[in-house]
Amino acid sequence: MHSDPLVIAGRTFNSRLIVGTGKYPSNTIMADAHRASGTEMVTVAVRRVNLADKSKESLLDYIDQSKIFILPNTAGCYTAEEAIRTARLAREVGLSNWVKLEVIGDEKTLFPDNIALLEATRVLVKEGFVVLPYTNDDPIICRKLEEAGAAAVMPLGAPIGSGLGIQNPNNIRLIKAQARVPVIVDAGVGTASDATIAMELGADGVLMNTAIALAQDPVAMATAMKLAVESGRLAYLAGRIPRREFASPSSPTQGLIGSAAGTSAPRQ
């Protein structure tokens, strides 16, 4: 699969699986899960990182930055101003000029505030950020985010942490069909089959956290997710057979002796 890399803003990733850093039982298990997943990019909530006292232990100490690219995110931000300020802080302390941009609009559902998200995207792109916005599975807002300069669009599969899987597969297809930037399905994945479905729909990658971190065995689930993403991508490239309303025989009967379409078989 290394001959089919994911390219975002000119940067190449051999893995199409992006993993988070929250909710793990321990930082050690997190590091083990990252290795098992084969990921080359992990998201880090800027507000969870101790940026003031670098002498204290940080989750960054458990990320092999020689192999894994850190993608800061603005998790927990509810206004465009707050998200912009958080992204600037991440860049100033040397984390990255990339940002997974989140602007939450509702505390219960954690759905994005797409108006504020679009506003923040425009500002940060003008300031030189590589912006990957987390948004609804809405083809219109995804198109507007791309037009605003987003380096990728990240529509949700289902609400964050819900594990419901891909709720609107046709929306993901529509978003992918119109996009000229990578489409990363973000949020809602619960198990390996959900990741495979996302990739089979044509998504360029999948971002997940809870499905791995809160699994009974996070390391085993990370391995499953790696294989699921690779399998789904390969199936998408291979091209599935058309869906049919009726059966189609695996062994065609045309030309067979004694078939209903041909002559009767000779007596022995």
C-alpha atoms as a PDB file:
ATOM      1  CA  MET A   1       0.000   0.000   0.000  1.00  0.00           C
ATOM      2  CA  HIS A   2       3.027   2.301   0.198  1.00  0.00           C
ATOM      3  CA  SER A   3       2.686   2.881  -3.551  1.00  0.00           C
ATOM      4  CA  ASP A   4      -0.598   4.659  -2.821  1.00  0.00           C
ATOM      5  CA  PRO A   5       0.294   7.442  -0.359  1.00  0.00           C
ATOM      6  CA  LEU A   6      -1.948  10.116   1.114  1.00  0.00           C
ATOM      7  CA  VAL A   7      -0.758  13.599   0.163  1.00  0.00           C
ATOM      8  CA  ILE A   8      -1.986  16.660   2.061  1.00  0.00           C
ATOM      9  CA  ALA A   9      -0.593  20.117   1.282  1.00  0.00           C
ATOM     10  CA  GLY A  10       2.416  18.525  -0.397  1.00  0.00           C
ATOM     11  CA  ARG A  11       3.262  16.282   2.557  1.00  0.00           C
ATOM     12  CA  THR A  12       3.221  12.514   1.967  1.00  0.00           C
ATOM     13  CA  PHE A  13       1.903   9.919   4.407  1.00  0.00           C
ATOM     14  CA  ASN A  14       2.109   6.197   3.722  1.00  0.00           C
ATOM     15  CA  SER A  15      -0.638   5.491   6.253  1.00  0.00           C
ATOM     16  CA  ARG A  16      -4.173   6.720   5.644  1.00  0.00           C
ATOM     17  CA  LEU A  17      -5.114   6.237   9.291  1.00  0.00           C
ATOM     18  CA  ILE A  18      -4.906   9.268  11.588  1.00  0.00           C
ATOM     19  CA  VAL A  19      -5.177   8.603  15.308  1.00  0.00           C
ATOM     20  CA  GLY A  20      -5.905  10.714  18.370  1.00  0.00           C
ATOM     21  CA  THR A  21      -4.184  10.913  21.754  1.00  0.00           C
ATOM     22  CA  GLY A  22      -7.041  11.249  24.237  1.00  0.00           C
ATOM     23  CA  LYS A  23      -8.902   8.819  26.534  1.00  0.00           C
ATOM     24  CA  TYR A  24      -6.228   6.086  26.645  1.00  0.00           C
ATOM     25  CA  PRO A  25      -5.774   4.176  29.925  1.00  0.00           C
ATOM     26  CA  SER A  26      -2.167   5.389  29.993  1.00  0.00           C
ATOM     27  CA  ASN A  27       0.373   7.164  27.827  1.00  0.00           C
ATOM     28  CA  THR A  28       2.288   3.903  27.472  1.00  0.00           C
ATOM     29  CA  ILE A  29      -0.748   2.127  26.017  1.00  0.00           C
ATOM     30  CA  MET A  30      -1.288   5.105  23.738  1.00  0.00           C
ATOM     31  CA  ALA A  31       2.247   4.792  22.383  1.00  0.00           C
ATOM     32  CA  ASP A  32       1.820   1.037  21.858  1.00  0.00           C
ATOM     33  CA  ALA A  33      -1.466   1.624  20.019  1.00  0.00           C
ATOM     34  CA  HIS A  34       0.123   4.242  17.790  1.00  0.00           C
ATOM     35  CA  ARG A  35       2.840   1.790  16.797  1.00  0.00           C
ATOM     36  CA  ALA A  36       0.317  -0.974  16.136  1.00  0.00           C
ATOM     37  CA  SER A  37      -1.843   1.330  13.992  1.00  0.00           C
ATOM     38  CA  GLY A  38       1.032   2.251  11.696  1.00  0.00           C
ATOM     39  CA  THR A  39      -0.167   5.852  11.793  1.00  0.00           C
ATOM     40  CA  GLU A  40       2.126   8.636  10.664  1.00  0.00           C
ATOM     41  CA  MET A  41      -0.011  11.488  12.003  1.00  0.00           C
ATOM     42  CA  VAL A  42      -1.693  11.939  15.387  1.00  0.00           C
ATOM     43  CA  THR A  43      -3.903  14.727  16.657  1.00  0.00           C
ATOM     44  CA  VAL A  44      -3.070  16.491  19.902  1.00  0.00           C
ATOM     45  CA  ALA A  45      -5.501  18.791  21.688  1.00  0.00           C
ATOM     46  CA  VAL A  46      -3.495  21.956  22.325  1.00  0.00           C
ATOM     47  CA  ARG A  47      -5.302  22.498  25.622  1.00  0.00           C
ATOM     48  CA  ARG A  48      -4.168  19.099  26.914  1.00  0.00           C
ATOM     49  CA  VAL A  49      -0.480  19.821  26.425  1.00  0.00           C
ATOM     50  CA  ASN A  50       1.560  21.467  29.166  1.00  0.00           C
ATOM     51  CA  LEU A  51       3.102  24.324  27.206  1.00  0.00           C
ATOM     52  CA  ALA A  52       4.221  26.382  30.205  1.00  0.00           C
ATOM     53  CA  ASP A  53       6.562  23.959  31.991  1.00  0.00           C
ATOM     54  CA  LYS A  54       8.393  21.666  29.612  1.00  0.00           C
ATOM     55  CA  SER A  55      10.281  20.060  32.484  1.00  0.00           C
ATOM     56  CA  LYS A  56       7.148  18.136  33.452  1.00  0.00           C
ATOM     57  CA  GLU A  57       6.008  14.930  31.750  1.00  0.00           C
ATOM     58  CA  SER A  58       3.835  15.448  28.698  1.00  0.00           C
ATOM     59  CA  LEU A  59       1.983  13.137  26.360  1.00  0.00           C
ATOM     60  CA  LEU A  60       4.318  14.518  23.687  1.00  0.00           C
ATOM     61  CA  ASP A  61       7.072  12.516  25.402  1.00  0.00           C
ATOM     62  CA  TYR A  62       5.251   9.356  24.303  1.00  0.00           C
ATOM     63  CA  ILE A  63       4.994  10.266  20.623  1.00  0.00           C
ATOM     64  CA  ASP A  64       7.871   9.270  18.382  1.00  0.00           C
ATOM     65  CA  GLN A  65       8.122  12.485  16.425  1.00  0.00           C
ATOM     66  CA  SER A  66      10.792  11.000  14.154  1.00  0.00           C
ATOM     67  CA  LYS A  67       8.049   8.799  12.686  1.00  0.00           C
ATOM     68  CA  ILE A  68       4.796  10.524  13.616  1.00  0.00           C
ATOM     69  CA  PHE A  69       3.683  14.006  12.580  1.00  0.00           C
ATOM     70  CA  ILE A  70       1.797  15.981  15.226  1.00  0.00           C
ATOM     71  CA  LEU A  71      -1.437  17.633  14.134  1.00  0.00           C
ATOM     72  CA  PRO A  72      -2.572  20.130  16.801  1.00  0.00           C
ATOM     73  CA  ASN A  73      -6.322  20.480  17.166  1.00  0.00           C
ATOM     74  CA  THR A  74      -8.553  23.144  18.629  1.00  0.00           C
ATOM     75  CA  ALA A  75     -10.759  20.731  20.594  1.00  0.00           C
ATOM     76  CA  GLY A  76     -12.985  22.448  23.135  1.00  0.00           C
ATOM     77  CA  CYS A  77     -13.250  25.733  21.254  1.00  0.00           C
ATOM     78  CA  TYR A  78     -16.764  27.161  20.833  1.00  0.00           C
ATOM     79  CA  THR A  79     -16.034  30.361  18.900  1.00  0.00           C
ATOM     80  CA  ALA A  80     -13.993  31.247  15.850  1.00  0.00           C
ATOM     81  CA  GLU A  81     -11.890  33.648  17.927  1.00  0.00           C
ATOM     82  CA  GLU A  82     -11.094  30.966  20.482  1.00  0.00           C
ATOM     83  CA  ALA A  83     -10.091  28.452  17.803  1.00  0.00           C
ATOM     84  CA  ILE A  84      -7.920  31.000  15.992  1.00  0.00           C
ATOM     85  CA  ARG A  85      -6.161  31.923  19.228  1.00  0.00           C
ATOM     86  CA  THR A  86      -5.526  28.255  20.061  1.00  0.00           C
ATOM     87  CA  ALA A  87      -4.073  27.559  16.614  1.00  0.00           C
ATOM     88  CA  ARG A  88      -1.778  30.558  16.914  1.00  0.00           C
ATOM     89  CA  LEU A  89      -0.599  29.359  20.320  1.00  0.00           C
ATOM     90  CA  ALA A  90       0.247  25.915  18.924  1.00  0.00           C
ATOM     91  CA  ARG A  91       2.353  27.485  16.196  1.00  0.00           C
ATOM     92  CA  GLU A  92       4.091  29.908  18.551  1.00  0.00           C
ATOM     93  CA  VAL A  93       5.266  27.129  20.871  1.00  0.00           C
ATOM     94  CA  GLY A  94       6.588  25.132  17.918  1.00  0.00           C
ATOM     95  CA  LEU A  95       3.988  22.378  17.611  1.00  0.00           C
ATOM     96  CA  SER A  96       3.045  23.002  13.976  1.00  0.00           C
ATOM     97  CA  ASN A  97       1.512  25.426  11.500  1.00  0.00           C
ATOM     98  CA  TRP A  98      -0.940  22.624  10.676  1.00  0.00           C
ATOM     99  CA  VAL A  99      -4.212  22.543  12.571  1.00  0.00           C
ATOM    100  CA  LYS A 100      -7.192  20.261  12.834  1.00  0.00           C
ATOM    101  CA  LEU A 101      -9.720  23.035  13.182  1.00  0.00           C
ATOM    102  CA  GLU A 102     -12.686  22.394  15.462  1.00  0.00           C
ATOM    103  CA  VAL A 103     -15.310  24.959  16.386  1.00  0.00           C
ATOM    104  CA  ILE A 104     -18.049  23.247  18.351  1.00  0.00           C
ATOM    105  CA  GLY A 105     -21.579  24.598  18.100  1.00  0.00           C
ATOM    106  CA  ASP A 106     -23.460  22.408  20.544  1.00  0.00           C
ATOM    107  CA  GLU A 107     -22.258  20.953  23.832  1.00  0.00           C
ATOM    108  CA  LYS A 108     -24.550  17.913  23.762  1.00  0.00           C
ATOM    109  CA  THR A 109     -24.051  16.689  20.181  1.00  0.00           C
ATOM    110  CA  LEU A 110     -20.600  18.275  19.653  1.00  0.00           C
ATOM    111  CA  PHE A 111     -21.697  19.139  16.132  1.00  0.00           C
ATOM    112  CA  PRO A 112     -19.581  21.854  14.482  1.00  0.00           C
ATOM    113  CA  ASP A 113     -20.603  25.489  14.183  1.00  0.00           C
ATOM    114  CA  ASN A 114     -20.066  25.654  10.443  1.00  0.00           C
ATOM    115  CA  ILE A 115     -20.446  29.424  10.161  1.00  0.00           C
ATOM    116  CA  ALA A 116     -17.728  30.012  12.745  1.00  0.00           C
ATOM    117  CA  LEU A 117     -15.652  27.196  11.247  1.00  0.00           C
ATOM    118  CA  LEU A 118     -15.689  28.824   7.836  1.00  0.00           C
ATOM    119  CA  GLU A 119     -14.742  32.178   9.363  1.00  0.00           C
ATOM    120  CA  ALA A 120     -11.820  30.676  11.278  1.00  0.00           C
ATOM    121  CA  THR A 121     -10.637  28.762   8.212  1.00  0.00           C
ATOM    122  CA  ARG A 122     -10.438  31.930   6.139  1.00  0.00           C
ATOM    123  CA  VAL A 123      -8.455  33.762   8.816  1.00  0.00           C
ATOM    124  CA  LEU A 124      -5.981  30.957   9.484  1.00  0.00           C
ATOM    125  CA  VAL A 125      -5.373  30.192   5.788  1.00  0.00           C
ATOM    126  CA  LYS A 126      -4.481  33.865   5.258  1.00  0.00           C
ATOM    127  CA  GLU A 127      -2.004  33.553   8.142  1.00  0.00           C
ATOM    128  CA  GLY A 128      -0.236  30.626   6.501  1.00  0.00           C
ATOM    129  CA  PHE A 129      -1.791  27.724   8.395  1.00  0.00           C
ATOM    130  CA  VAL A 130      -2.486  24.345   6.808  1.00  0.00           C
ATOM    131  CA  VAL A 131      -6.098  23.962   7.878  1.00  0.00           C
ATOM    132  CA  LEU A 132      -7.941  20.652   8.156  1.00  0.00           C
ATOM    133  CA  PRO A 133     -11.466  21.535   9.347  1.00  0.00           C
ATOM    134  CA  TYR A 134     -13.754  19.090  11.157  1.00  0.00           C
ATOM    135  CA  THR A 135     -17.246  19.622   9.796  1.00  0.00           C
ATOM    136  CA  ASN A 136     -20.658  18.087   9.184  1.00  0.00           C
ATOM    137  CA  ASP A 137     -21.167  15.613   6.345  1.00  0.00           C
ATOM    138  CA  ASP A 138     -22.615  18.444   4.251  1.00  0.00           C
ATOM    139  CA  PRO A 139     -21.374  18.712   0.651  1.00  0.00           C
ATOM    140  CA  ILE A 140     -22.133  22.447   0.552  1.00  0.00           C
ATOM    141  CA  ILE A 141     -20.105  23.427   3.611  1.00  0.00           C
ATOM    142  CA  CYS A 142     -17.290  21.106   2.504  1.00  0.00           C
ATOM    143  CA  ARG A 143     -17.170  22.898  -0.844  1.00  0.00           C
ATOM    144  CA  LYS A 144     -17.125  26.303   0.868  1.00  0.00           C
ATOM    145  CA  LEU A 145     -14.310  25.197   3.204  1.00  0.00           C
ATOM    146  CA  GLU A 146     -12.274  24.033   0.224  1.00  0.00           C
ATOM    147  CA  GLU A 147     -12.899  27.346  -1.527  1.00  0.00           C
ATOM    148  CA  ALA A 148     -11.713  29.098   1.647  1.00  0.00           C
ATOM    149  CA  GLY A 149      -8.376  27.316   1.322  1.00  0.00           C
ATOM    150  CA  ALA A 150      -8.723  24.208   3.489  1.00  0.00           C
ATOM    151  CA  ALA A 151      -5.996  21.655   2.697  1.00  0.00           C
ATOM    152  CA  ALA A 152      -8.469  18.825   3.335  1.00  0.00           C
ATOM    153  CA  VAL A 153     -12.053  18.497   4.502  1.00  0.00           C
ATOM    154  CA  MET A 154     -12.965  16.267   7.431  1.00  0.00           C
ATOM    155  CA  PRO A 155     -16.676  15.410   7.484  1.00  0.00           C
ATOM    156  CA  LEU A 156     -17.993  13.436  10.434  1.00  0.00           C
ATOM    157  CA  GLY A 157     -19.286   9.906   9.979  1.00  0.00           C
ATOM    158  CA  ALA A 158     -21.398  10.243  13.131  1.00  0.00           C
ATOM    159  CA  PRO A 159     -21.217  12.327  16.329  1.00  0.00           C
ATOM    160  CA  ILE A 160     -17.843  12.368  18.110  1.00  0.00           C
ATOM    161  CA  GLY A 161     -17.304   9.301  20.267  1.00  0.00           C
ATOM    162  CA  SER A 162     -20.680   7.765  19.353  1.00  0.00           C
ATOM    163  CA  GLY A 163     -19.328   4.672  17.584  1.00  0.00           C
ATOM    164  CA  LEU A 164     -22.382   4.717  15.310  1.00  0.00           C
ATOM    165  CA  GLY A 165     -20.389   4.290  12.111  1.00  0.00           C
ATOM    166  CA  ILE A 166     -21.090   6.028   8.808  1.00  0.00           C
ATOM    167  CA  GLN A 167     -24.627   7.388   9.090  1.00  0.00           C
ATOM    168  CA  ASN A 168     -24.922   9.103   5.697  1.00  0.00           C
ATOM    169  CA  PRO A 169     -22.812   7.165   3.188  1.00  0.00           C
ATOM    170  CA  ASN A 170     -24.274   8.971   0.206  1.00  0.00           C
ATOM    171  CA  ASN A 171     -23.190  12.323   1.638  1.00  0.00           C
ATOM    172  CA  ILE A 172     -19.618  11.047   1.903  1.00  0.00           C
ATOM    173  CA  ARG A 173     -19.800   9.936  -1.747  1.00  0.00           C
ATOM    174  CA  LEU A 174     -21.085  13.370  -2.799  1.00  0.00           C
ATOM    175  CA  ILE A 175     -18.375  15.170  -0.842  1.00  0.00           C
ATOM    176  CA  LYS A 176     -15.674  12.980  -2.370  1.00  0.00           C
ATOM    177  CA  ALA A 177     -17.073  13.377  -5.895  1.00  0.00           C
ATOM    178  CA  GLN A 178     -16.786  17.167  -5.799  1.00  0.00           C
ATOM    179  CA  ALA A 179     -13.622  17.556  -3.708  1.00  0.00           C
ATOM    180  CA  ARG A 180     -10.248  18.552  -5.127  1.00  0.00           C
ATOM    181  CA  VAL A 181      -8.580  18.113  -1.742  1.00  0.00           C
ATOM    182  CA  PRO A 182      -8.378  14.965   0.406  1.00  0.00           C
ATOM    183  CA  VAL A 183     -11.519  13.887   2.246  1.00  0.00           C
ATOM    184  CA  ILE A 184     -10.853  12.469   5.724  1.00  0.00           C
ATOM    185  CA  VAL A 185     -13.776  10.890   7.558  1.00  0.00           C
ATOM    186  CA  ASP A 186     -13.527  12.115  11.134  1.00  0.00           C
ATOM    187  CA  ALA A 187     -15.592  10.952  14.127  1.00  0.00           C
ATOM    188  CA  GLY A 188     -18.141   8.217  14.677  1.00  0.00           C
ATOM    189  CA  VAL A 189     -16.088   5.134  13.828  1.00  0.00           C
ATOM    190  CA  GLY A 190     -16.776   2.350  16.310  1.00  0.00           C
ATOM    191  CA  THR A 191     -15.086  -0.721  14.895  1.00  0.00           C
ATOM    192  CA  ALA A 192     -12.991  -1.926  11.991  1.00  0.00           C
ATOM    193  CA  SER A 193     -15.885  -2.442   9.587  1.00  0.00           C
ATOM    194  CA  ASP A 194     -16.829   1.255   9.945  1.00  0.00           C
ATOM    195  CA  ALA A 195     -13.341   2.266   8.842  1.00  0.00           C
ATOM    196  CA  THR A 196     -13.494  -0.111   5.898  1.00  0.00           C
ATOM    197  CA  ILE A 197     -16.849   1.301   4.785  1.00  0.00           C
ATOM    198  CA  ALA A 198     -15.481   4.844   4.930  1.00  0.00           C
ATOM    199  CA  MET A 199     -12.574   3.872   2.704  1.00  0.00           C
ATOM    200  CA  GLU A 200     -14.772   1.891   0.309  1.00  0.00           C
ATOM    201  CA  LEU A 201     -16.889   5.022  -0.146  1.00  0.00           C
ATOM    202  CA  GLY A 202     -13.784   6.745  -1.500  1.00  0.00           C
ATOM    203  CA  ALA A 203     -12.552   8.621   1.550  1.00  0.00           C
ATOM    204  CA  ASP A 204      -8.845   9.395   1.375  1.00  0.00           C
ATOM    205  CA  GLY A 205      -8.342   8.617   5.043  1.00  0.00           C
ATOM    206  CA  VAL A 206      -9.993   8.066   8.398  1.00  0.00           C
ATOM    207  CA  LEU A 207      -9.350   9.863  11.681  1.00  0.00           C
ATOM    208  CA  MET A 208     -10.358   8.171  14.930  1.00  0.00           C
ATOM    209  CA  ASN A 209      -9.662   8.264  18.635  1.00  0.00           C
ATOM    210  CA  THR A 210     -12.345   6.794  20.897  1.00  0.00           C
ATOM    211  CA  ALA A 211     -12.768   3.578  18.914  1.00  0.00           C
ATOM    212  CA  ILE A 212      -9.164   2.649  19.671  1.00  0.00           C
ATOM    213  CA  ALA A 213      -8.553   4.356  22.998  1.00  0.00           C
ATOM    214  CA  LEU A 214     -11.644   2.947  24.754  1.00  0.00           C
ATOM    215  CA  ALA A 215     -11.551  -0.525  23.197  1.00  0.00           C
ATOM    216  CA  GLN A 216     -11.065  -3.353  25.694  1.00  0.00           C
ATOM    217  CA  ASP A 217      -7.688  -3.916  24.032  1.00  0.00           C
ATOM    218  CA  PRO A 218      -6.579  -0.650  22.402  1.00  0.00           C
ATOM    219  CA  VAL A 219      -3.458  -2.154  20.828  1.00  0.00           C
ATOM    220  CA  ALA A 220      -5.387  -4.993  19.197  1.00  0.00           C
ATOM    221  CA  MET A 221      -8.035  -2.557  17.966  1.00  0.00           C
ATOM    222  CA  ALA A 222      -5.332  -0.296  16.553  1.00  0.00           C
ATOM    223  CA  THR A 223      -4.018  -3.238  14.548  1.00  0.00           C
ATOM    224  CA  ALA A 224      -7.544  -4.032  13.338  1.00  0.00           C
ATOM    225  CA  MET A 225      -8.060  -0.425  12.259  1.00  0.00           C
ATOM    226  CA  LYS A 226      -4.799  -0.418  10.320  1.00  0.00           C
ATOM    227  CA  LEU A 227      -5.867  -3.492   8.378  1.00  0.00           C
ATOM    228  CA  ALA A 228      -9.401  -2.169   7.912  1.00  0.00           C
ATOM    229  CA  VAL A 229      -8.229   1.083   6.351  1.00  0.00           C
ATOM    230  CA  GLU A 230      -5.806  -0.733   4.063  1.00  0.00           C
ATOM    231  CA  SER A 231      -8.470  -3.270   3.076  1.00  0.00           C
ATOM    232  CA  GLY A 232     -11.099  -0.621   2.372  1.00  0.00           C
ATOM    233  CA  ARG A 233      -8.717   1.431   0.280  1.00  0.00           C
ATOM    234  CA  LEU A 234      -7.646  -1.575  -1.760  1.00  0.00           C
ATOM    235  CA  ALA A 235     -11.266  -2.604  -2.328  1.00  0.00           C
ATOM    236  CA  TYR A 236     -12.099   0.947  -3.484  1.00  0.00           C
ATOM    237  CA  LEU A 237      -9.230   0.934  -5.959  1.00  0.00           C
ATOM    238  CA  ALA A 238     -10.134  -2.561  -7.161  1.00  0.00           C
ATOM    239  CA  GLY A 239     -13.696  -1.497  -7.993  1.00  0.00           C
ATOM    240  CA  ARG A 240     -16.632  -3.396  -6.569  1.00  0.00           C
ATOM    241  CA  ILE A 241     -19.157  -5.280  -8.714  1.00  0.00           C
ATOM    242  CA  PRO A 242     -22.453  -3.512  -9.480  1.00  0.00           C
ATOM    243  CA  ARG A 243     -25.353  -4.117  -7.116  1.00  0.00           C
ATOM    244  CA  ARG A 244     -28.168  -6.201  -8.635  1.00  0.00           C
ATOM    245  CA  GLU A 245     -31.764  -6.826  -7.659  1.00  0.00           C
ATOM    246  CA  PHE A 246     -31.574 -10.479  -8.669  1.00  0.00           C
ATOM    247  CA  ALA A 247     -29.078 -13.298  -8.562  1.00  0.00           C
ATOM    248  CA  SER A 248     -26.241 -13.651 -11.016  1.00  0.00           C
ATOM    249  CA  PRO A 249     -24.667 -17.158 -11.163  1.00  0.00           C
ATOM    250  CA  SER A 250     -21.024 -17.463 -10.230  1.00  0.00           C
ATOM    251  CA  SER A 251     -20.670 -20.179 -12.891  1.00  0.00           C
ATOM    252  CA  PRO A 252     -22.401 -19.085 -16.128  1.00  0.00           C
ATOM    253  CA  THR A 253     -24.596 -21.807 -17.671  1.00  0.00           C
ATOM    254  CA  GLN A 254     -24.223 -20.687 -21.264  1.00  0.00           C
ATOM    255  CA  GLY A 255     -22.526 -23.385 -23.297  1.00  0.00           C
ATOM    256  CA  LEU A 256     -22.812 -26.068 -20.626  1.00  0.00           C
ATOM    257  CA  ILE A 257     -24.090 -29.457 -21.775  1.00  0.00           C
ATOM    258  CA  GLY A 258     -27.551 -30.093 -20.400  1.00  0.00           C
ATOM    259  CA  SER A 259     -28.126 -26.526 -19.288  1.00  0.00           C
ATOM    260  CA  ALA A 260     -31.581 -25.018 -19.454  1.00  0.00           C
ATOM    261  CA  ALA A 261     -30.338 -22.669 -22.149  1.00  0.00           C
ATOM    262  CA  GLY A 262     -28.819 -25.452 -24.257  1.00  0.00           C
ATOM    263  CA  THR A 263     -29.645 -28.950 -25.457  1.00  0.00           C
ATOM    264  CA  SER A 264     -30.344 -31.849 -23.137  1.00  0.00           C
ATOM    265  CA  ALA A 265     -27.458 -33.960 -22.042  1.00  0.00           C
ATOM    266  CA  PRO A 266     -26.923 -37.236 -23.977  1.00  0.00           C
ATOM    267  CA  ARG A 267     -27.944 -40.464 -22.289  1.00  0.00           C
ATOM    268  CA  GLN A 268     -25.145 -42.579 -20.847  1.00  0.00           C
END
